[in-house]
Amino acid sequence: MKFVKLGNTGLWVSRLCLGCMTYGSSTWRKWVLDEEASLPFFRKAFEAGINFVDTADMYSAGVSEEITGRAIAKFAKRREIVLATKVFNPVHGMKDPNGRGLSRKHIMDAVDDSLRRLGTDYIDLYQIHRWDYHTPIEETMEALHDVVKAGKARYIGASSMHAWQFAKAQAVAAAAGTTRFVSMQNHWNLVYREEEREMVPMCRDMGVGVIPWSPLARGFLAGNRTPQGGGATTRSTSDDFASKLYYQPEDFEVADRVAELARARGVAPTQVALAWLLQQAGLTAPIIGASKLEHIDAALASLDLSLTEEEATALEAPYKPHPVLGHE
């Protein structure tokens, strides 16, 4: 396994991060694997040297955190795993107005809930899942600072938002002398590259680690999707969010280029798509989802696949600008 520092921190993380949204409860999403089916994925990832895992309190209404915590206890040493989770979305329904967002109250309640579900005393990377338009960012950053100072989290990170919002949060923390974000978990892949305009260059300039979600466009870049929004897998036929993000004609042109190069190189399309992302300046570790064990094998193989400049240019050529997707 290859390791890299997370931004300007001293924290070493594997070049692949195991995304745990797939592991939880099939009653939450049809394509989610229940615990018994999930455990082999954690074991395989840890045995391969992946030390970085990412989940969120909202995934399967907390069950993903529970399974992730038990899997770490079963297959790894806690101190050797970089454990990341997220806060923002409601976990127990929408009735409690304080059970969501980034208020001090919700953050303090949510971090304790996550610690309990994960079965750990600390979270390595505690991330805000989205921007809260209803809470002053000063309140949020101070609360996150207090979480760190209490020893409940080692570092803090952010996820999809506008570049100006991320810059404001960092400036607020700097002015107050409080903890700043060390990572950005944003939406970045071959069919959605709008982050290359402002967010990614800003993160490079700030020394912030970039850990993209959906590096394979929720499976779209596997090359098995159809223009009608379907495909050959449970995920492809039941993931309504994916149909809102992708499935434009130009997206299929990109996927076709990926498949064409994969055939020429004798590898899987997912390897090509991940290899392209891994070669991007400023990229720390893509967050990979795996619902079949061979998905992990393909992701690991992508670490050793080097694309030429001509191949990368060919993959990028069909791309057309998209509206902002994934921030809300």
C-alpha atoms as a PDB file:
ATOM      1  CA  MET A   1       0.000   0.000   0.000  1.00  0.00           C
ATOM      2  CA  LYS A   2       1.107   3.538  -0.727  1.00  0.00           C
ATOM      3  CA  PHE A   3       0.673   6.206   1.935  1.00  0.00           C
ATOM      4  CA  VAL A   4       0.572   9.992   1.800  1.00  0.00           C
ATOM      5  CA  LYS A   5       0.231  12.802   4.309  1.00  0.00           C
ATOM      6  CA  LEU A   6      -3.268  14.242   4.679  1.00  0.00           C
ATOM      7  CA  GLY A   7      -2.657  17.778   3.498  1.00  0.00           C
ATOM      8  CA  ASN A   8      -0.142  19.651   5.627  1.00  0.00           C
ATOM      9  CA  THR A   9      -0.728  17.440   8.669  1.00  0.00           C
ATOM     10  CA  GLY A  10       1.585  14.773  10.009  1.00  0.00           C
ATOM     11  CA  LEU A  11      -1.106  12.138   9.494  1.00  0.00           C
ATOM     12  CA  TRP A  12      -0.321   9.320   7.069  1.00  0.00           C
ATOM     13  CA  VAL A  13      -3.278   7.849   5.169  1.00  0.00           C
ATOM     14  CA  SER A  14      -3.492   5.164   2.521  1.00  0.00           C
ATOM     15  CA  ARG A  15      -3.905   6.318  -1.079  1.00  0.00           C
ATOM     16  CA  LEU A  16      -7.335   4.693  -1.032  1.00  0.00           C
ATOM     17  CA  CYS A  17     -10.040   5.377   1.539  1.00  0.00           C
ATOM     18  CA  LEU A  18     -12.755   2.780   2.098  1.00  0.00           C
ATOM     19  CA  GLY A  19     -16.155   4.465   1.939  1.00  0.00           C
ATOM     20  CA  CYS A  20     -18.645   2.827   4.282  1.00  0.00           C
ATOM     21  CA  MET A  21     -21.977   4.126   3.002  1.00  0.00           C
ATOM     22  CA  THR A  22     -22.415   0.728   1.324  1.00  0.00           C
ATOM     23  CA  TYR A  23     -22.318  -1.042   4.705  1.00  0.00           C
ATOM     24  CA  GLY A  24     -25.282  -0.691   7.015  1.00  0.00           C
ATOM     25  CA  SER A  25     -28.900  -1.680   6.504  1.00  0.00           C
ATOM     26  CA  SER A  26     -30.626  -2.669   3.266  1.00  0.00           C
ATOM     27  CA  THR A  27     -33.818  -1.151   4.675  1.00  0.00           C
ATOM     28  CA  TRP A  28     -32.155   2.267   4.279  1.00  0.00           C
ATOM     29  CA  ARG A  29     -31.135   1.730   0.627  1.00  0.00           C
ATOM     30  CA  LYS A  30     -31.697  -1.411  -1.448  1.00  0.00           C
ATOM     31  CA  TRP A  31     -28.065  -1.547  -2.530  1.00  0.00           C
ATOM     32  CA  VAL A  32     -26.646  -1.341   1.013  1.00  0.00           C
ATOM     33  CA  LEU A  33     -25.095  -4.520   2.450  1.00  0.00           C
ATOM     34  CA  ASP A  34     -26.110  -5.729   5.894  1.00  0.00           C
ATOM     35  CA  GLU A  35     -23.480  -6.486   8.533  1.00  0.00           C
ATOM     36  CA  GLU A  36     -22.735 -10.115   7.751  1.00  0.00           C
ATOM     37  CA  ALA A  37     -22.202  -9.314   4.084  1.00  0.00           C
ATOM     38  CA  SER A  38     -20.183  -6.186   4.920  1.00  0.00           C
ATOM     39  CA  LEU A  39     -17.498  -7.663   7.163  1.00  0.00           C
ATOM     40  CA  PRO A  40     -15.448  -9.357   4.400  1.00  0.00           C
ATOM     41  CA  PHE A  41     -14.931  -5.961   2.765  1.00  0.00           C
ATOM     42  CA  PHE A  42     -13.370  -4.469   5.873  1.00  0.00           C
ATOM     43  CA  ARG A  43     -11.159  -7.509   6.337  1.00  0.00           C
ATOM     44  CA  LYS A  44      -9.955  -7.421   2.745  1.00  0.00           C
ATOM     45  CA  ALA A  45      -9.305  -3.677   2.853  1.00  0.00           C
ATOM     46  CA  PHE A  46      -7.336  -3.843   6.099  1.00  0.00           C
ATOM     47  CA  GLU A  47      -5.325  -6.857   4.925  1.00  0.00           C
ATOM     48  CA  ALA A  48      -4.440  -4.902   1.768  1.00  0.00           C
ATOM     49  CA  GLY A  49      -3.062  -2.070   3.884  1.00  0.00           C
ATOM     50  CA  ILE A  50      -5.916   0.421   3.616  1.00  0.00           C
ATOM     51  CA  ASN A  51      -5.834   2.321   6.908  1.00  0.00           C
ATOM     52  CA  PHE A  52      -8.353   5.061   6.057  1.00  0.00           C
ATOM     53  CA  VAL A  53     -12.128   4.535   6.396  1.00  0.00           C
ATOM     54  CA  ASP A  54     -14.920   7.069   6.015  1.00  0.00           C
ATOM     55  CA  THR A  55     -18.527   6.893   7.165  1.00  0.00           C
ATOM     56  CA  ALA A  56     -21.216   9.329   8.381  1.00  0.00           C
ATOM     57  CA  ASP A  57     -23.764   9.389  11.159  1.00  0.00           C
ATOM     58  CA  MET A  58     -26.635   9.537   8.669  1.00  0.00           C
ATOM     59  CA  TYR A  59     -25.642   6.425   6.681  1.00  0.00           C
ATOM     60  CA  SER A  60     -28.255   3.765   7.406  1.00  0.00           C
ATOM     61  CA  ALA A  61     -29.424   5.994  10.290  1.00  0.00           C
ATOM     62  CA  GLY A  62     -26.327   5.222  12.327  1.00  0.00           C
ATOM     63  CA  VAL A  63     -25.990   1.529  11.501  1.00  0.00           C
ATOM     64  CA  SER A  64     -23.020   2.154   9.196  1.00  0.00           C
ATOM     65  CA  GLU A  65     -21.074   3.659  12.098  1.00  0.00           C
ATOM     66  CA  GLU A  66     -21.969   0.686  14.294  1.00  0.00           C
ATOM     67  CA  ILE A  67     -20.788  -1.835  11.696  1.00  0.00           C
ATOM     68  CA  THR A  68     -17.650   0.170  10.953  1.00  0.00           C
ATOM     69  CA  GLY A  69     -16.733   0.292  14.621  1.00  0.00           C
ATOM     70  CA  ARG A  70     -17.273  -3.425  15.124  1.00  0.00           C
ATOM     71  CA  ALA A  71     -15.315  -4.269  11.974  1.00  0.00           C
ATOM     72  CA  ILE A  72     -12.329  -2.216  13.138  1.00  0.00           C
ATOM     73  CA  ALA A  73     -12.416  -3.963  16.518  1.00  0.00           C
ATOM     74  CA  LYS A  74     -12.607  -7.358  14.805  1.00  0.00           C
ATOM     75  CA  PHE A  75     -10.022  -6.994  12.043  1.00  0.00           C
ATOM     76  CA  ALA A  76      -7.604  -4.211  12.999  1.00  0.00           C
ATOM     77  CA  LYS A  77      -5.921  -2.290  15.780  1.00  0.00           C
ATOM     78  CA  ARG A  78      -7.785   0.939  16.469  1.00  0.00           C
ATOM     79  CA  ARG A  79      -4.617   3.046  16.683  1.00  0.00           C
ATOM     80  CA  GLU A  80      -3.583   1.900  13.196  1.00  0.00           C
ATOM     81  CA  ILE A  81      -6.837   3.033  11.543  1.00  0.00           C
ATOM     82  CA  VAL A  82      -7.630   6.581  10.478  1.00  0.00           C
ATOM     83  CA  LEU A  83     -11.358   6.737  11.196  1.00  0.00           C
ATOM     84  CA  ALA A  84     -13.443   9.488   9.626  1.00  0.00           C
ATOM     85  CA  THR A  85     -17.120  10.283  10.060  1.00  0.00           C
ATOM     86  CA  LYS A  86     -19.416  13.224   9.356  1.00  0.00           C
ATOM     87  CA  VAL A  87     -22.065  15.423  10.976  1.00  0.00           C
ATOM     88  CA  PHE A  88     -24.872  17.595   9.575  1.00  0.00           C
ATOM     89  CA  ASN A  89     -27.816  15.535   8.395  1.00  0.00           C
ATOM     90  CA  PRO A  90     -30.588  14.252  10.679  1.00  0.00           C
ATOM     91  CA  VAL A  91     -30.138  10.682  11.856  1.00  0.00           C
ATOM     92  CA  HIS A  92     -33.396  10.032  13.687  1.00  0.00           C
ATOM     93  CA  GLY A  93     -35.899  11.728  11.384  1.00  0.00           C
ATOM     94  CA  MET A  94     -36.936  15.325  10.881  1.00  0.00           C
ATOM     95  CA  LYS A  95     -39.093  15.964  13.963  1.00  0.00           C
ATOM     96  CA  ASP A  96     -36.353  17.458  16.159  1.00  0.00           C
ATOM     97  CA  PRO A  97     -35.328  20.871  14.755  1.00  0.00           C
ATOM     98  CA  ASN A  98     -32.069  20.664  16.725  1.00  0.00           C
ATOM     99  CA  GLY A  99     -31.268  17.188  15.426  1.00  0.00           C
ATOM    100  CA  ARG A 100     -29.612  18.458  12.264  1.00  0.00           C
ATOM    101  CA  GLY A 101     -27.262  21.162  11.015  1.00  0.00           C
ATOM    102  CA  LEU A 102     -24.078  22.555  12.516  1.00  0.00           C
ATOM    103  CA  SER A 103     -25.229  24.330  15.638  1.00  0.00           C
ATOM    104  CA  ARG A 104     -23.155  23.913  18.774  1.00  0.00           C
ATOM    105  CA  LYS A 105     -25.939  21.828  20.296  1.00  0.00           C
ATOM    106  CA  HIS A 106     -26.186  19.427  17.380  1.00  0.00           C
ATOM    107  CA  ILE A 107     -22.421  19.031  16.979  1.00  0.00           C
ATOM    108  CA  MET A 108     -21.941  18.271  20.677  1.00  0.00           C
ATOM    109  CA  ASP A 109     -24.816  15.787  20.707  1.00  0.00           C
ATOM    110  CA  ALA A 110     -23.838  14.210  17.405  1.00  0.00           C
ATOM    111  CA  VAL A 111     -20.167  13.634  18.205  1.00  0.00           C
ATOM    112  CA  ASP A 112     -21.072  11.763  21.391  1.00  0.00           C
ATOM    113  CA  ASP A 113     -23.614   9.688  19.490  1.00  0.00           C
ATOM    114  CA  SER A 114     -21.025   8.839  16.821  1.00  0.00           C
ATOM    115  CA  LEU A 115     -18.437   7.873  19.425  1.00  0.00           C
ATOM    116  CA  ARG A 116     -20.947   5.559  21.061  1.00  0.00           C
ATOM    117  CA  ARG A 117     -21.966   3.919  17.796  1.00  0.00           C
ATOM    118  CA  LEU A 118     -18.360   3.567  16.617  1.00  0.00           C
ATOM    119  CA  GLY A 119     -17.311   2.117  19.969  1.00  0.00           C
ATOM    120  CA  THR A 120     -14.281   4.378  20.240  1.00  0.00           C
ATOM    121  CA  ASP A 121     -12.969   7.209  22.417  1.00  0.00           C
ATOM    122  CA  TYR A 122     -11.956   9.433  19.504  1.00  0.00           C
ATOM    123  CA  ILE A 123     -12.547  10.141  15.846  1.00  0.00           C
ATOM    124  CA  ASP A 124      -9.471  10.809  13.735  1.00  0.00           C
ATOM    125  CA  LEU A 125     -11.195  13.055  11.185  1.00  0.00           C
ATOM    126  CA  TYR A 126     -14.530  14.690  12.086  1.00  0.00           C
ATOM    127  CA  GLN A 127     -16.116  16.343   9.041  1.00  0.00           C
ATOM    128  CA  ILE A 128     -19.038  18.638   8.399  1.00  0.00           C
ATOM    129  CA  HIS A 129     -21.169  16.910   5.783  1.00  0.00           C
ATOM    130  CA  ARG A 130     -22.495  20.098   4.174  1.00  0.00           C
ATOM    131  CA  TRP A 131     -22.652  23.865   4.744  1.00  0.00           C
ATOM    132  CA  ASP A 132     -25.273  25.061   7.218  1.00  0.00           C
ATOM    133  CA  TYR A 133     -27.012  28.186   5.896  1.00  0.00           C
ATOM    134  CA  HIS A 134     -28.886  28.640   9.184  1.00  0.00           C
ATOM    135  CA  THR A 135     -25.994  28.660  11.675  1.00  0.00           C
ATOM    136  CA  PRO A 136     -23.212  31.268  11.872  1.00  0.00           C
ATOM    137  CA  ILE A 137     -19.958  29.686  10.753  1.00  0.00           C
ATOM    138  CA  GLU A 138     -18.305  31.230  13.823  1.00  0.00           C
ATOM    139  CA  GLU A 139     -20.487  29.055  16.049  1.00  0.00           C
ATOM    140  CA  THR A 140     -19.700  25.955  14.037  1.00  0.00           C
ATOM    141  CA  MET A 141     -15.931  26.451  13.977  1.00  0.00           C
ATOM    142  CA  GLU A 142     -15.763  27.178  17.705  1.00  0.00           C
ATOM    143  CA  ALA A 143     -17.808  24.064  18.492  1.00  0.00           C
ATOM    144  CA  LEU A 144     -15.565  21.914  16.288  1.00  0.00           C
ATOM    145  CA  HIS A 145     -12.510  23.409  17.996  1.00  0.00           C
ATOM    146  CA  ASP A 146     -13.946  22.426  21.359  1.00  0.00           C
ATOM    147  CA  VAL A 147     -14.555  18.889  20.085  1.00  0.00           C
ATOM    148  CA  VAL A 148     -10.877  18.669  19.160  1.00  0.00           C
ATOM    149  CA  LYS A 149      -9.683  20.177  22.447  1.00  0.00           C
ATOM    150  CA  ALA A 150     -11.875  17.717  24.356  1.00  0.00           C
ATOM    151  CA  GLY A 151     -10.015  14.869  22.648  1.00  0.00           C
ATOM    152  CA  LYS A 152     -13.093  13.599  20.851  1.00  0.00           C
ATOM    153  CA  ALA A 153     -11.574  14.298  17.421  1.00  0.00           C
ATOM    154  CA  ARG A 154      -7.980  14.627  16.249  1.00  0.00           C
ATOM    155  CA  TYR A 155      -8.595  16.658  13.084  1.00  0.00           C
ATOM    156  CA  ILE A 156     -11.565  18.316  11.386  1.00  0.00           C
ATOM    157  CA  GLY A 157     -12.550  18.353   7.733  1.00  0.00           C
ATOM    158  CA  ALA A 158     -15.303  19.604   5.446  1.00  0.00           C
ATOM    159  CA  SER A 159     -17.305  18.220   2.561  1.00  0.00           C
ATOM    160  CA  SER A 160     -18.959  19.657  -0.549  1.00  0.00           C
ATOM    161  CA  MET A 161     -19.554  23.407  -0.486  1.00  0.00           C
ATOM    162  CA  HIS A 162     -18.716  26.490  -2.513  1.00  0.00           C
ATOM    163  CA  ALA A 163     -15.105  27.619  -2.475  1.00  0.00           C
ATOM    164  CA  TRP A 164     -16.005  30.961  -0.901  1.00  0.00           C
ATOM    165  CA  GLN A 165     -17.690  29.144   1.977  1.00  0.00           C
ATOM    166  CA  PHE A 166     -14.650  26.987   2.648  1.00  0.00           C
ATOM    167  CA  ALA A 167     -12.386  30.046   2.484  1.00  0.00           C
ATOM    168  CA  LYS A 168     -14.659  31.895   4.927  1.00  0.00           C
ATOM    169  CA  ALA A 169     -14.617  28.996   7.411  1.00  0.00           C
ATOM    170  CA  GLN A 170     -10.822  28.809   7.296  1.00  0.00           C
ATOM    171  CA  ALA A 171     -10.514  32.575   7.715  1.00  0.00           C
ATOM    172  CA  VAL A 172     -12.904  32.600  10.678  1.00  0.00           C
ATOM    173  CA  ALA A 173     -10.897  29.869  12.403  1.00  0.00           C
ATOM    174  CA  ALA A 174      -7.587  31.581  11.663  1.00  0.00           C
ATOM    175  CA  ALA A 175      -8.814  34.896  13.041  1.00  0.00           C
ATOM    176  CA  ALA A 176     -10.092  33.236  16.215  1.00  0.00           C
ATOM    177  CA  GLY A 177      -7.019  31.055  16.645  1.00  0.00           C
ATOM    178  CA  THR A 178      -9.131  27.904  16.542  1.00  0.00           C
ATOM    179  CA  THR A 179      -8.800  24.611  14.685  1.00  0.00           C
ATOM    180  CA  ARG A 180      -8.932  24.768  10.896  1.00  0.00           C
ATOM    181  CA  PHE A 181     -10.061  22.161   8.391  1.00  0.00           C
ATOM    182  CA  VAL A 182      -7.309  19.855   7.153  1.00  0.00           C
ATOM    183  CA  SER A 183      -9.302  18.123   4.411  1.00  0.00           C
ATOM    184  CA  MET A 184     -11.990  18.634   1.804  1.00  0.00           C
ATOM    185  CA  GLN A 185     -14.252  15.735   0.807  1.00  0.00           C
ATOM    186  CA  ASN A 186     -15.643  16.997  -2.467  1.00  0.00           C
ATOM    187  CA  HIS A 187     -17.357  15.716  -5.601  1.00  0.00           C
ATOM    188  CA  TRP A 188     -14.699  15.006  -8.239  1.00  0.00           C
ATOM    189  CA  ASN A 189     -14.459  12.443 -11.024  1.00  0.00           C
ATOM    190  CA  LEU A 190     -14.085  12.262 -14.800  1.00  0.00           C
ATOM    191  CA  VAL A 191     -17.720  13.215 -15.441  1.00  0.00           C
ATOM    192  CA  TYR A 192     -17.841  15.976 -12.818  1.00  0.00           C
ATOM    193  CA  ARG A 193     -14.777  18.240 -12.850  1.00  0.00           C
ATOM    194  CA  GLU A 194     -16.195  21.586 -11.759  1.00  0.00           C
ATOM    195  CA  GLU A 195     -14.119  21.383  -8.556  1.00  0.00           C
ATOM    196  CA  GLU A 196     -11.021  21.951 -10.677  1.00  0.00           C
ATOM    197  CA  ARG A 197     -12.055  25.579 -11.201  1.00  0.00           C
ATOM    198  CA  GLU A 198     -11.727  26.889  -7.644  1.00  0.00           C
ATOM    199  CA  MET A 199     -11.947  24.338  -4.836  1.00  0.00           C
ATOM    200  CA  VAL A 200      -9.078  22.048  -5.813  1.00  0.00           C
ATOM    201  CA  PRO A 201      -6.607  24.866  -6.595  1.00  0.00           C
ATOM    202  CA  MET A 202      -7.529  26.547  -3.318  1.00  0.00           C
ATOM    203  CA  CYS A 203      -6.952  23.329  -1.373  1.00  0.00           C
ATOM    204  CA  ARG A 204      -3.570  22.900  -3.033  1.00  0.00           C
ATOM    205  CA  ASP A 205      -2.667  26.465  -2.085  1.00  0.00           C
ATOM    206  CA  MET A 206      -3.849  26.010   1.521  1.00  0.00           C
ATOM    207  CA  GLY A 207      -2.236  22.603   1.944  1.00  0.00           C
ATOM    208  CA  VAL A 208      -5.615  20.966   2.498  1.00  0.00           C
ATOM    209  CA  GLY A 209      -5.980  17.271   1.681  1.00  0.00           C
ATOM    210  CA  VAL A 210      -8.511  16.382  -1.028  1.00  0.00           C
ATOM    211  CA  ILE A 211     -10.453  13.137  -0.520  1.00  0.00           C
ATOM    212  CA  PRO A 212     -13.171  13.028  -3.218  1.00  0.00           C
ATOM    213  CA  TRP A 213     -16.434  11.185  -2.832  1.00  0.00           C
ATOM    214  CA  SER A 214     -17.906   9.330  -5.793  1.00  0.00           C
ATOM    215  CA  PRO A 215     -14.613   8.937  -7.697  1.00  0.00           C
ATOM    216  CA  LEU A 216     -16.387   6.482 -10.017  1.00  0.00           C
ATOM    217  CA  ALA A 217     -19.498   8.675 -10.319  1.00  0.00           C
ATOM    218  CA  ARG A 218     -21.556   6.288  -8.166  1.00  0.00           C
ATOM    219  CA  GLY A 219     -20.613   3.447 -10.499  1.00  0.00           C
ATOM    220  CA  PHE A 220     -21.397   5.357 -13.705  1.00  0.00           C
ATOM    221  CA  LEU A 221     -17.774   5.064 -14.872  1.00  0.00           C
ATOM    222  CA  ALA A 222     -17.930   1.276 -14.587  1.00  0.00           C
ATOM    223  CA  GLY A 223     -19.509   1.460 -18.036  1.00  0.00           C
ATOM    224  CA  ASN A 224     -22.642  -0.553 -17.251  1.00  0.00           C
ATOM    225  CA  ARG A 225     -25.228   2.261 -17.126  1.00  0.00           C
ATOM    226  CA  THR A 226     -27.864   3.039 -19.753  1.00  0.00           C
ATOM    227  CA  PRO A 227     -29.275   6.405 -20.895  1.00  0.00           C
ATOM    228  CA  GLN A 228     -32.606   5.499 -19.298  1.00  0.00           C
ATOM    229  CA  GLY A 229     -30.950   5.671 -15.883  1.00  0.00           C
ATOM    230  CA  GLY A 230     -30.713   1.950 -15.380  1.00  0.00           C
ATOM    231  CA  GLY A 231     -28.128  -0.769 -15.607  1.00  0.00           C
ATOM    232  CA  ALA A 232     -27.247  -4.279 -14.616  1.00  0.00           C
ATOM    233  CA  THR A 233     -26.900  -3.811 -10.861  1.00  0.00           C
ATOM    234  CA  THR A 234     -29.195  -3.114  -7.911  1.00  0.00           C
ATOM    235  CA  ARG A 235     -27.322   0.147  -7.343  1.00  0.00           C
ATOM    236  CA  SER A 236     -27.816   1.324 -10.917  1.00  0.00           C
ATOM    237  CA  THR A 237     -31.563   0.666 -10.895  1.00  0.00           C
ATOM    238  CA  SER A 238     -32.315   2.100  -7.447  1.00  0.00           C
ATOM    239  CA  ASP A 239     -29.892   4.995  -6.940  1.00  0.00           C
ATOM    240  CA  ASP A 240     -32.091   7.989  -7.686  1.00  0.00           C
ATOM    241  CA  PHE A 241     -29.408  10.450  -6.585  1.00  0.00           C
ATOM    242  CA  ALA A 242     -27.041   9.233  -9.313  1.00  0.00           C
ATOM    243  CA  SER A 243     -29.609  10.001 -12.014  1.00  0.00           C
ATOM    244  CA  LYS A 244     -29.695  13.592 -10.770  1.00  0.00           C
ATOM    245  CA  LEU A 245     -25.932  13.938 -11.003  1.00  0.00           C
ATOM    246  CA  TYR A 246     -25.019  12.141 -14.216  1.00  0.00           C
ATOM    247  CA  TYR A 247     -26.595  10.510 -17.302  1.00  0.00           C
ATOM    248  CA  GLN A 248     -26.146  13.483 -19.644  1.00  0.00           C
ATOM    249  CA  PRO A 249     -25.102  12.621 -23.232  1.00  0.00           C
ATOM    250  CA  GLU A 250     -21.619  14.033 -22.661  1.00  0.00           C
ATOM    251  CA  ASP A 251     -21.279  11.893 -19.539  1.00  0.00           C
ATOM    252  CA  PHE A 252     -21.770   8.781 -21.646  1.00  0.00           C
ATOM    253  CA  GLU A 253     -19.109  10.059 -24.062  1.00  0.00           C
ATOM    254  CA  VAL A 254     -16.640  10.201 -21.192  1.00  0.00           C
ATOM    255  CA  ALA A 255     -17.653   6.736 -19.971  1.00  0.00           C
ATOM    256  CA  ASP A 256     -17.160   5.405 -23.497  1.00  0.00           C
ATOM    257  CA  ARG A 257     -13.642   6.859 -23.605  1.00  0.00           C
ATOM    258  CA  VAL A 258     -12.868   5.194 -20.287  1.00  0.00           C
ATOM    259  CA  ALA A 259     -14.157   1.846 -21.535  1.00  0.00           C
ATOM    260  CA  GLU A 260     -12.220   2.178 -24.795  1.00  0.00           C
ATOM    261  CA  LEU A 261      -8.931   2.842 -23.006  1.00  0.00           C
ATOM    262  CA  ALA A 262      -9.647   0.045 -20.517  1.00  0.00           C
ATOM    263  CA  ARG A 263     -10.041  -2.421 -23.379  1.00  0.00           C
ATOM    264  CA  ALA A 264      -6.797  -1.229 -24.941  1.00  0.00           C
ATOM    265  CA  ARG A 265      -4.904  -1.582 -21.667  1.00  0.00           C
ATOM    266  CA  GLY A 266      -6.567  -4.867 -20.680  1.00  0.00           C
ATOM    267  CA  VAL A 267      -7.937  -3.535 -17.392  1.00  0.00           C
ATOM    268  CA  ALA A 268     -11.324  -2.686 -15.887  1.00  0.00           C
ATOM    269  CA  PRO A 269     -12.886   0.723 -16.648  1.00  0.00           C
ATOM    270  CA  THR A 270     -12.929   1.507 -12.938  1.00  0.00           C
ATOM    271  CA  GLN A 271      -9.141   1.115 -12.821  1.00  0.00           C
ATOM    272  CA  VAL A 272      -8.748   3.679 -15.586  1.00  0.00           C
ATOM    273  CA  ALA A 273     -11.126   6.140 -13.923  1.00  0.00           C
ATOM    274  CA  LEU A 274      -9.374   5.840 -10.555  1.00  0.00           C
ATOM    275  CA  ALA A 275      -5.907   6.005 -12.114  1.00  0.00           C
ATOM    276  CA  TRP A 276      -6.833   9.295 -13.791  1.00  0.00           C
ATOM    277  CA  LEU A 277      -7.991  10.776 -10.499  1.00  0.00           C
ATOM    278  CA  LEU A 278      -4.988   9.478  -8.555  1.00  0.00           C
ATOM    279  CA  GLN A 279      -2.692  11.322 -10.960  1.00  0.00           C
ATOM    280  CA  GLN A 280      -4.331  14.701 -10.332  1.00  0.00           C
ATOM    281  CA  ALA A 281      -2.248  17.256  -8.453  1.00  0.00           C
ATOM    282  CA  GLY A 282      -3.471  17.808  -4.909  1.00  0.00           C
ATOM    283  CA  LEU A 283      -5.384  14.525  -4.682  1.00  0.00           C
ATOM    284  CA  THR A 284      -4.823  12.688  -1.401  1.00  0.00           C
ATOM    285  CA  ALA A 285      -7.098   9.635  -1.521  1.00  0.00           C
ATOM    286  CA  PRO A 286     -10.335   8.896  -3.373  1.00  0.00           C
ATOM    287  CA  ILE A 287     -13.110   7.394  -1.246  1.00  0.00           C
ATOM    288  CA  ILE A 288     -13.986   4.099  -2.888  1.00  0.00           C
ATOM    289  CA  GLY A 289     -17.240   2.221  -2.472  1.00  0.00           C
ATOM    290  CA  ALA A 290     -17.257  -1.556  -2.875  1.00  0.00           C
ATOM    291  CA  SER A 291     -20.236  -3.891  -2.978  1.00  0.00           C
ATOM    292  CA  LYS A 292     -18.284  -6.787  -4.507  1.00  0.00           C
ATOM    293  CA  LEU A 293     -14.872  -7.925  -3.310  1.00  0.00           C
ATOM    294  CA  GLU A 294     -13.458  -7.562  -6.804  1.00  0.00           C
ATOM    295  CA  HIS A 295     -14.207  -3.838  -6.570  1.00  0.00           C
ATOM    296  CA  ILE A 296     -11.467  -3.588  -3.946  1.00  0.00           C
ATOM    297  CA  ASP A 297      -9.096  -5.607  -6.145  1.00  0.00           C
ATOM    298  CA  ALA A 298      -9.699  -3.225  -9.053  1.00  0.00           C
ATOM    299  CA  ALA A 299      -9.171  -0.183  -6.844  1.00  0.00           C
ATOM    300  CA  LEU A 300      -5.894  -1.594  -5.545  1.00  0.00           C
ATOM    301  CA  ALA A 301      -4.752  -2.332  -9.095  1.00  0.00           C
ATOM    302  CA  SER A 302      -5.415   1.285 -10.074  1.00  0.00           C
ATOM    303  CA  LEU A 303      -2.578   2.362  -7.774  1.00  0.00           C
ATOM    304  CA  ASP A 304      -0.103   0.759 -10.179  1.00  0.00           C
ATOM    305  CA  LEU A 305      -1.745   1.922 -13.401  1.00  0.00           C
ATOM    306  CA  SER A 306      -0.004   4.932 -14.912  1.00  0.00           C
ATOM    307  CA  LEU A 307      -1.722   6.840 -17.712  1.00  0.00           C
ATOM    308  CA  THR A 308       0.255   8.729 -20.330  1.00  0.00           C
ATOM    309  CA  GLU A 309      -0.395  12.401 -20.922  1.00  0.00           C
ATOM    310  CA  GLU A 310      -2.018  11.512 -24.254  1.00  0.00           C
ATOM    311  CA  GLU A 311      -4.326   8.971 -22.593  1.00  0.00           C
ATOM    312  CA  ALA A 312      -5.373  11.438 -19.895  1.00  0.00           C
ATOM    313  CA  THR A 313      -6.064  14.106 -22.504  1.00  0.00           C
ATOM    314  CA  ALA A 314      -8.224  11.693 -24.484  1.00  0.00           C
ATOM    315  CA  LEU A 315     -10.266  10.867 -21.381  1.00  0.00           C
ATOM    316  CA  GLU A 316     -10.789  14.540 -20.577  1.00  0.00           C
ATOM    317  CA  ALA A 317     -11.637  15.713 -24.106  1.00  0.00           C
ATOM    318  CA  PRO A 318     -15.427  14.982 -24.172  1.00  0.00           C
ATOM    319  CA  TYR A 319     -16.079  16.810 -20.885  1.00  0.00           C
ATOM    320  CA  LYS A 320     -18.520  19.711 -20.939  1.00  0.00           C
ATOM    321  CA  PRO A 321     -19.195  22.109 -18.026  1.00  0.00           C
ATOM    322  CA  HIS A 322     -21.874  21.004 -15.550  1.00  0.00           C
ATOM    323  CA  PRO A 323     -24.049  22.931 -13.142  1.00  0.00           C
ATOM    324  CA  VAL A 324     -22.914  22.707  -9.555  1.00  0.00           C
ATOM    325  CA  LEU A 325     -23.836  19.237  -8.306  1.00  0.00           C
ATOM    326  CA  GLY A 326     -23.586  17.728  -4.851  1.00  0.00           C
ATOM    327  CA  HIS A 327     -23.301  20.818  -2.645  1.00  0.00           C
ATOM    328  CA  GLU A 328     -26.800  20.654  -1.210  1.00  0.00           C
END
